[in-house]
N, C-alpha and C. Protein backbone atom coordinates (compact mmCIF):
# COMPACT_ATOMS: atom_id res chain seq x y z
N MET A 1 -64.26 -19.03 1.85
CA MET A 1 -63.55 -17.90 1.30
C MET A 1 -62.62 -18.41 0.19
N SER A 2 -62.82 -17.91 -1.04
CA SER A 2 -61.99 -18.37 -2.15
C SER A 2 -61.00 -17.27 -2.54
N VAL A 3 -59.84 -17.71 -2.90
CA VAL A 3 -58.80 -16.79 -3.33
C VAL A 3 -58.88 -16.71 -4.85
N GLN A 4 -59.00 -15.49 -5.38
CA GLN A 4 -59.09 -15.32 -6.82
C GLN A 4 -57.69 -15.30 -7.43
N LYS A 5 -57.50 -16.11 -8.46
CA LYS A 5 -56.21 -16.18 -9.12
C LYS A 5 -56.02 -15.00 -10.06
N THR A 6 -54.78 -14.58 -10.22
CA THR A 6 -54.46 -13.53 -11.18
C THR A 6 -54.51 -14.11 -12.60
N PRO A 7 -54.67 -13.25 -13.60
CA PRO A 7 -54.63 -13.76 -14.98
C PRO A 7 -53.34 -14.53 -15.30
N ARG A 8 -52.22 -14.07 -14.76
CA ARG A 8 -50.94 -14.79 -14.99
C ARG A 8 -51.00 -16.19 -14.39
N ALA A 9 -51.54 -16.30 -13.18
CA ALA A 9 -51.62 -17.61 -12.52
C ALA A 9 -52.55 -18.54 -13.31
N ILE A 10 -53.64 -18.01 -13.81
CA ILE A 10 -54.57 -18.80 -14.61
C ILE A 10 -53.86 -19.29 -15.88
N ALA A 11 -53.13 -18.39 -16.53
CA ALA A 11 -52.41 -18.76 -17.76
C ALA A 11 -51.36 -19.83 -17.49
N VAL A 12 -50.63 -19.70 -16.41
CA VAL A 12 -49.61 -20.71 -16.07
C VAL A 12 -50.28 -22.05 -15.78
N ASP A 13 -51.43 -22.03 -15.11
CA ASP A 13 -52.18 -23.27 -14.89
C ASP A 13 -52.55 -23.92 -16.22
N ILE A 14 -53.01 -23.11 -17.17
CA ILE A 14 -53.38 -23.63 -18.49
C ILE A 14 -52.16 -24.25 -19.17
N LEU A 15 -51.02 -23.55 -19.09
CA LEU A 15 -49.80 -24.06 -19.72
C LEU A 15 -49.24 -25.29 -19.02
N SER A 16 -49.60 -25.48 -17.77
CA SER A 16 -49.09 -26.65 -17.05
C SER A 16 -49.71 -27.95 -17.58
N ARG A 17 -50.84 -27.83 -18.25
CA ARG A 17 -51.50 -29.01 -18.81
C ARG A 17 -50.94 -29.39 -20.17
N ARG A 18 -50.71 -28.36 -21.01
CA ARG A 18 -50.12 -28.59 -22.34
C ARG A 18 -49.73 -27.25 -22.94
N ASP A 19 -48.87 -27.30 -23.96
CA ASP A 19 -48.52 -26.07 -24.67
C ASP A 19 -49.75 -25.55 -25.40
N ASN A 20 -49.81 -24.24 -25.56
CA ASN A 20 -50.90 -23.59 -26.27
C ASN A 20 -50.32 -22.56 -27.22
N SER A 21 -51.05 -22.30 -28.30
CA SER A 21 -50.68 -21.19 -29.18
C SER A 21 -51.14 -19.90 -28.51
N ILE A 22 -50.67 -18.79 -29.02
CA ILE A 22 -51.09 -17.50 -28.49
C ILE A 22 -52.60 -17.36 -28.65
N HIS A 23 -53.11 -17.74 -29.80
CA HIS A 23 -54.56 -17.65 -30.05
C HIS A 23 -55.35 -18.50 -29.06
N GLU A 24 -54.92 -19.74 -28.85
CA GLU A 24 -55.61 -20.61 -27.89
C GLU A 24 -55.62 -19.99 -26.50
N MET A 25 -54.47 -19.44 -26.08
CA MET A 25 -54.39 -18.84 -24.76
C MET A 25 -55.34 -17.65 -24.64
N ARG A 26 -55.36 -16.81 -25.68
CA ARG A 26 -56.28 -15.66 -25.66
C ARG A 26 -57.72 -16.12 -25.49
N MET A 27 -58.12 -17.14 -26.24
CA MET A 27 -59.50 -17.63 -26.18
C MET A 27 -59.81 -18.24 -24.81
N LYS A 28 -58.88 -18.98 -24.26
CA LYS A 28 -59.11 -19.60 -22.95
C LYS A 28 -59.23 -18.54 -21.85
N LEU A 29 -58.39 -17.53 -21.90
CA LEU A 29 -58.46 -16.46 -20.90
C LEU A 29 -59.75 -15.66 -21.07
N LYS A 30 -60.15 -15.43 -22.30
CA LYS A 30 -61.39 -14.71 -22.57
C LYS A 30 -62.59 -15.48 -22.01
N ARG A 31 -62.61 -16.80 -22.22
CA ARG A 31 -63.71 -17.63 -21.71
C ARG A 31 -63.78 -17.61 -20.18
N LYS A 32 -62.66 -17.32 -19.55
CA LYS A 32 -62.64 -17.24 -18.09
C LYS A 32 -63.04 -15.86 -17.59
N GLY A 33 -63.42 -14.97 -18.52
CA GLY A 33 -63.92 -13.67 -18.14
C GLY A 33 -62.86 -12.62 -17.85
N ILE A 34 -61.65 -12.85 -18.32
CA ILE A 34 -60.56 -11.91 -18.08
C ILE A 34 -60.66 -10.77 -19.09
N SER A 35 -60.42 -9.55 -18.64
CA SER A 35 -60.53 -8.37 -19.51
C SER A 35 -59.49 -8.41 -20.62
N GLN A 36 -59.81 -7.74 -21.73
CA GLN A 36 -58.89 -7.71 -22.87
C GLN A 36 -57.55 -7.10 -22.47
N GLU A 37 -57.59 -6.06 -21.65
CA GLU A 37 -56.35 -5.42 -21.19
C GLU A 37 -55.48 -6.40 -20.40
N ASP A 38 -56.11 -7.15 -19.49
CA ASP A 38 -55.36 -8.13 -18.70
C ASP A 38 -54.86 -9.28 -19.58
N ILE A 39 -55.65 -9.66 -20.58
CA ILE A 39 -55.22 -10.72 -21.50
C ILE A 39 -53.98 -10.27 -22.25
N ASP A 40 -54.02 -9.05 -22.80
CA ASP A 40 -52.87 -8.52 -23.55
C ASP A 40 -51.63 -8.47 -22.68
N GLU A 41 -51.79 -7.99 -21.46
CA GLU A 41 -50.66 -7.89 -20.51
C GLU A 41 -50.11 -9.28 -20.18
N THR A 42 -51.00 -10.22 -19.97
CA THR A 42 -50.59 -11.58 -19.62
C THR A 42 -49.87 -12.25 -20.79
N ILE A 43 -50.40 -12.10 -22.00
CA ILE A 43 -49.77 -12.67 -23.18
C ILE A 43 -48.37 -12.09 -23.37
N ASP A 44 -48.26 -10.76 -23.23
CA ASP A 44 -46.94 -10.11 -23.35
C ASP A 44 -45.96 -10.67 -22.33
N TYR A 45 -46.41 -10.87 -21.10
CA TYR A 45 -45.57 -11.42 -20.04
C TYR A 45 -45.11 -12.84 -20.40
N LEU A 46 -46.06 -13.66 -20.84
CA LEU A 46 -45.73 -15.06 -21.18
C LEU A 46 -44.74 -15.14 -22.33
N ILE A 47 -44.89 -14.26 -23.32
CA ILE A 47 -43.97 -14.24 -24.45
C ILE A 47 -42.59 -13.79 -23.98
N GLU A 48 -42.57 -12.73 -23.16
CA GLU A 48 -41.30 -12.21 -22.64
C GLU A 48 -40.54 -13.27 -21.85
N LYS A 49 -41.27 -14.08 -21.08
CA LYS A 49 -40.66 -15.13 -20.26
C LYS A 49 -40.44 -16.43 -21.04
N LYS A 50 -40.77 -16.38 -22.34
CA LYS A 50 -40.61 -17.53 -23.23
C LYS A 50 -41.46 -18.74 -22.80
N LEU A 51 -42.59 -18.44 -22.19
CA LEU A 51 -43.52 -19.49 -21.80
C LEU A 51 -44.56 -19.74 -22.89
N LEU A 52 -44.68 -18.79 -23.81
CA LEU A 52 -45.64 -18.88 -24.90
C LEU A 52 -44.91 -18.46 -26.17
N ASP A 53 -44.87 -19.37 -27.15
CA ASP A 53 -44.12 -19.12 -28.38
C ASP A 53 -44.76 -19.93 -29.50
N ASP A 54 -45.39 -19.25 -30.44
CA ASP A 54 -46.08 -19.95 -31.51
C ASP A 54 -45.16 -20.82 -32.35
N ALA A 55 -43.93 -20.38 -32.57
CA ALA A 55 -42.99 -21.17 -33.37
C ALA A 55 -42.65 -22.49 -32.66
N VAL A 56 -42.40 -22.41 -31.37
CA VAL A 56 -42.10 -23.61 -30.59
C VAL A 56 -43.33 -24.51 -30.52
N PHE A 57 -44.50 -23.90 -30.32
CA PHE A 57 -45.75 -24.66 -30.28
C PHE A 57 -45.94 -25.44 -31.59
N ALA A 58 -45.76 -24.75 -32.72
CA ALA A 58 -45.94 -25.39 -34.02
C ALA A 58 -44.93 -26.53 -34.22
N GLN A 59 -43.70 -26.31 -33.83
CA GLN A 59 -42.67 -27.34 -33.97
C GLN A 59 -43.03 -28.58 -33.14
N LYS A 60 -43.42 -28.37 -31.89
CA LYS A 60 -43.79 -29.50 -31.02
C LYS A 60 -45.01 -30.22 -31.56
N ARG A 61 -45.97 -29.47 -32.08
CA ARG A 61 -47.18 -30.07 -32.63
C ARG A 61 -46.84 -30.92 -33.85
N ALA A 62 -45.99 -30.38 -34.71
CA ALA A 62 -45.59 -31.13 -35.91
C ALA A 62 -44.85 -32.41 -35.52
N GLU A 63 -43.96 -32.31 -34.54
CA GLU A 63 -43.23 -33.50 -34.08
C GLU A 63 -44.19 -34.54 -33.51
N SER A 64 -45.18 -34.08 -32.77
CA SER A 64 -46.16 -34.99 -32.17
C SER A 64 -46.96 -35.71 -33.26
N ILE A 65 -47.37 -34.98 -34.28
CA ILE A 65 -48.12 -35.58 -35.38
C ILE A 65 -47.25 -36.59 -36.12
N PHE A 66 -46.00 -36.22 -36.35
CA PHE A 66 -45.07 -37.12 -37.06
C PHE A 66 -44.85 -38.41 -36.27
N ARG A 67 -44.71 -38.31 -34.96
CA ARG A 67 -44.47 -39.50 -34.12
C ARG A 67 -45.66 -40.44 -34.10
N THR A 68 -46.87 -39.91 -34.24
CA THR A 68 -48.07 -40.75 -34.13
C THR A 68 -48.44 -41.41 -35.45
N LYS A 69 -47.73 -41.08 -36.52
CA LYS A 69 -48.06 -41.69 -37.82
C LYS A 69 -47.22 -42.90 -38.09
């Protein structure tokens, strides 16, 4: 018997591995077969909770690139 995870739980699992842009998160949730309505709701929740933020993602990505050069 398997317990099915909610779209929010799936998104948090994805974010636990690394930061993602909003676009990346949308694509990953879509690939997992989550409905567009649930994706939109999940993205809104993550943004509201400040778990997903493209500006922060871009800043961290830029810092990471700068450190590796």
